[in-house]
Amino acid sequence: MTETVTPVRTYPWTCHFGELEVTFRLMTAEDRAAILAFADELPEHDLLFLRVDITRPEAIDEWIRNIERGRTRTVLAEAGGRVVGYCSLHWNDLLWTRHLGEIRVMVGPNFRNRGLGHALAEQVFAFASELGLFKVTAQMMSSQRQAQDLLHRLGFIPEALLHDWVIDRKGRTHDLILMSREVEEAD
């Protein structure tokens, strides 16, 4: 059974998902090795669906640079002293899409179906509200049914289907689905 999670803006904080104790905290540059270790534990099938190949150190370095530039906020979920999931909000004040943020969520396979992804996403929605964003978007391959189901439960609606829009780690093209959810104002 999952606890009801209210967005928390003070980190770190701890929550229980059944017997699992999870600590949520903001990602920093010191988490580079922990993210790479998390990525190394993901099955190949999961890695095919990531927009950015987080097994590559240079991808993590760019992610950290975006955090340091104030263009990304990432909440890490830790259990047993290791990263078991994350959720990021990406935005850019300089673009004509500055009213939009993009969410990216990944939970390790042994920690899914407990409400952890939902809890992480709620933190990102709080960030989006604080930043004054209008919408949060998500992009995924059309074959990612579980991700689409999670996003539907979180209130996302489909916006577009783009044929052969993305290419996976094996060089195959896939259709891309763009979904969005309006952001509620912060209390």
Protein backbone atom coordinates (compact mmCIF):
# COMPACT_ATOMS: atom_id res chain seq x y z
CA MET A 1 0.00 0.00 0.00
CA THR A 2 1.27 3.45 -0.91
CA GLU A 3 1.20 6.46 1.37
CA THR A 4 -0.41 9.63 0.12
CA VAL A 5 2.46 11.89 -0.80
CA THR A 6 2.13 15.65 -0.58
CA PRO A 7 4.78 17.59 -2.46
CA VAL A 8 7.59 18.54 -0.11
CA ARG A 9 9.91 21.40 -0.88
CA THR A 10 12.47 20.70 1.83
CA TYR A 11 14.98 17.96 1.14
CA PRO A 12 15.93 15.35 2.11
CA TRP A 13 12.80 13.68 3.43
CA THR A 14 11.79 10.08 3.95
CA CYS A 15 8.61 8.18 3.12
CA HIS A 16 7.53 4.54 3.39
CA PHE A 17 6.09 2.52 0.54
CA GLY A 18 4.92 -0.54 2.40
CA GLU A 19 8.08 -1.93 4.01
CA LEU A 20 10.35 0.08 1.72
CA GLU A 21 11.88 3.23 3.22
CA VAL A 22 12.77 5.79 0.55
CA THR A 23 14.64 9.05 0.98
CA PHE A 24 13.97 11.81 -1.54
CA ARG A 25 16.61 14.45 -2.17
CA LEU A 26 17.77 16.81 -4.87
CA MET A 27 20.48 15.63 -7.25
CA THR A 28 23.87 17.37 -7.15
CA ALA A 29 27.20 16.98 -8.95
CA GLU A 30 28.28 14.56 -6.22
CA ASP A 31 25.66 12.07 -7.49
CA ARG A 32 27.46 11.39 -10.78
CA ALA A 33 28.78 7.96 -9.73
CA ALA A 34 25.46 6.99 -8.09
CA ILE A 35 23.52 7.79 -11.28
CA LEU A 36 25.98 5.81 -13.40
CA ALA A 37 25.64 2.87 -10.98
CA PHE A 38 21.83 3.13 -11.20
CA ALA A 39 22.04 3.17 -15.01
CA ASP A 40 24.33 0.13 -15.02
CA GLU A 41 21.66 -1.83 -13.13
CA LEU A 42 18.87 -1.01 -15.59
CA PRO A 43 17.94 -3.77 -18.03
CA GLU A 44 18.79 -3.21 -21.69
CA HIS A 45 15.07 -3.00 -22.49
CA ASP A 46 14.70 0.05 -20.19
CA LEU A 47 17.75 1.73 -21.67
CA LEU A 48 16.21 1.52 -25.15
CA PHE A 49 13.46 3.87 -24.00
CA LEU A 50 15.55 6.61 -22.41
CA ARG A 51 15.71 9.89 -24.29
CA VAL A 52 19.28 10.37 -23.06
CA ASP A 53 21.68 7.45 -22.65
CA ILE A 54 22.45 7.75 -18.93
CA THR A 55 25.03 4.96 -19.12
CA ARG A 56 27.35 7.49 -20.79
CA PRO A 57 29.35 9.63 -18.34
CA GLU A 58 29.20 12.63 -20.69
CA ALA A 59 25.39 12.48 -20.58
CA ILE A 60 25.47 12.63 -16.78
CA ASP A 61 27.94 15.51 -16.95
CA GLU A 62 25.56 17.45 -19.21
CA TRP A 63 22.65 16.64 -16.87
CA ILE A 64 24.65 18.05 -13.94
CA ARG A 65 25.58 21.17 -15.95
CA ASN A 66 21.88 21.76 -16.62
CA ILE A 67 21.14 21.43 -12.90
CA GLU A 68 23.91 23.91 -12.12
CA ARG A 69 22.60 26.31 -14.82
CA GLY A 70 19.12 26.22 -13.29
CA ARG A 71 17.49 24.47 -16.26
CA THR A 72 16.84 21.14 -14.57
CA ARG A 73 15.71 19.98 -11.15
CA THR A 74 16.02 16.31 -10.34
CA VAL A 75 14.66 14.48 -7.32
CA LEU A 76 16.45 11.24 -6.49
CA ALA A 77 14.83 8.35 -4.64
CA GLU A 78 17.25 6.34 -2.51
CA ALA A 79 16.70 3.07 -0.68
CA GLY A 80 19.36 1.04 1.05
CA GLY A 81 21.98 3.69 0.32
CA ARG A 82 21.59 3.65 -3.47
CA VAL A 83 19.59 5.46 -6.12
CA VAL A 84 16.47 3.48 -7.07
CA GLY A 85 14.72 6.13 -9.15
CA TYR A 86 14.60 9.74 -10.23
CA CYS A 87 12.34 12.34 -11.73
CA SER A 88 13.51 15.47 -13.52
CA LEU A 89 11.91 18.68 -14.69
CA HIS A 90 13.66 20.32 -17.65
CA TRP A 91 12.89 23.84 -18.86
CA ASN A 92 14.59 26.80 -20.50
CA ASP A 93 13.66 30.43 -19.79
CA LEU A 94 15.25 31.56 -23.07
CA LEU A 95 13.06 29.57 -25.47
CA TRP A 96 9.63 30.37 -26.85
CA THR A 97 8.48 27.26 -24.98
CA ARG A 98 9.58 28.82 -21.67
CA HIS A 99 6.08 28.22 -20.27
CA LEU A 100 6.59 24.44 -20.64
CA GLY A 101 8.59 21.96 -18.62
CA GLU A 102 9.42 18.39 -19.56
CA ILE A 103 9.21 15.54 -17.07
CA ARG A 104 11.43 12.46 -17.18
CA VAL A 105 10.87 9.61 -14.73
CA MET A 106 12.75 6.36 -14.20
CA VAL A 107 12.30 3.84 -11.41
CA GLY A 108 14.44 0.73 -11.14
CA PRO A 109 12.60 -2.50 -12.04
CA ASN A 110 12.69 -3.90 -8.49
CA PHE A 111 10.99 -0.77 -7.14
CA ARG A 112 8.12 -0.34 -9.59
CA ASN A 113 4.40 -0.70 -8.90
CA ARG A 114 4.74 0.76 -5.39
CA GLY A 115 3.78 4.36 -6.13
CA LEU A 116 7.36 5.60 -6.23
CA GLY A 117 7.08 7.04 -9.76
CA HIS A 118 3.90 8.86 -8.77
CA ALA A 119 5.56 10.29 -5.64
CA LEU A 120 8.54 11.49 -7.68
CA ALA A 121 6.30 13.06 -10.31
CA GLU A 122 4.32 14.98 -7.69
CA GLN A 123 7.56 16.64 -6.59
CA VAL A 124 8.21 17.76 -10.15
CA PHE A 125 4.69 19.17 -10.46
CA ALA A 126 5.39 21.25 -7.33
CA PHE A 127 8.57 22.57 -8.98
CA ALA A 128 6.66 23.42 -12.16
CA SER A 129 4.07 25.34 -10.16
CA GLU A 130 6.75 27.23 -8.22
CA LEU A 131 8.43 28.18 -11.52
CA GLY A 132 5.15 29.47 -12.99
CA LEU A 133 5.13 26.95 -15.83
CA PHE A 134 1.80 26.41 -17.62
CA LYS A 135 2.23 22.79 -18.69
CA VAL A 136 4.43 19.79 -18.09
CA THR A 137 5.08 17.61 -21.12
CA ALA A 138 6.32 14.06 -21.48
CA GLN A 139 7.76 12.29 -24.50
CA MET A 140 7.89 8.55 -24.99
CA MET A 141 7.92 5.89 -27.65
CA SER A 142 4.48 4.62 -28.61
CA SER A 143 5.45 1.13 -27.40
CA GLN A 144 5.98 2.36 -23.82
CA ARG A 145 2.53 1.36 -22.58
CA GLN A 146 3.39 1.34 -18.85
CA ALA A 147 4.76 4.88 -19.06
CA GLN A 148 1.63 6.04 -20.89
CA ASP A 149 -0.58 4.38 -18.27
CA LEU A 150 1.32 6.10 -15.44
CA LEU A 151 1.04 9.46 -17.16
CA HIS A 152 -2.70 8.99 -17.76
CA ARG A 153 -3.13 8.29 -14.03
CA LEU A 154 -1.20 11.49 -13.32
CA GLY A 155 -3.59 13.51 -15.49
CA PHE A 156 -1.61 13.71 -18.73
CA ILE A 157 -3.41 13.71 -22.06
CA PRO A 158 -2.02 12.80 -25.51
CA GLU A 159 -1.11 15.82 -27.64
CA ALA A 160 0.64 14.36 -30.69
CA LEU A 161 1.90 11.20 -32.37
CA LEU A 162 5.00 11.67 -34.52
CA HIS A 163 5.91 8.79 -36.83
CA ASP A 164 9.52 7.49 -36.87
CA TRP A 165 10.55 10.46 -34.73
CA VAL A 166 13.09 8.80 -32.41
CA ILE A 167 15.89 6.32 -32.84
CA ASP A 168 16.84 3.85 -30.12
CA ARG A 169 20.26 2.60 -29.01
CA LYS A 170 20.06 -0.17 -31.62
CA GLY A 171 19.38 2.22 -34.49
CA ARG A 172 15.66 1.43 -34.92
CA THR A 173 13.13 4.21 -35.41
CA HIS A 174 9.97 4.49 -33.30
CA ASP A 175 6.89 6.67 -33.14
CA LEU A 176 6.96 9.37 -30.46
CA ILE A 177 3.98 10.27 -28.30
CA LEU A 178 3.84 13.73 -26.74
CA MET A 179 1.61 14.06 -23.67
CA SER A 180 0.93 17.03 -21.40
CA ARG A 181 -0.67 18.06 -18.14
CA GLU A 182 -1.60 21.58 -17.09
CA VAL A 183 0.16 22.86 -13.99
CA GLU A 184 -1.87 23.87 -10.98
CA GLU A 185 -0.90 27.05 -9.17
CA ALA A 186 1.20 26.74 -6.03
CA ASP A 187 -0.59 27.31 -2.74
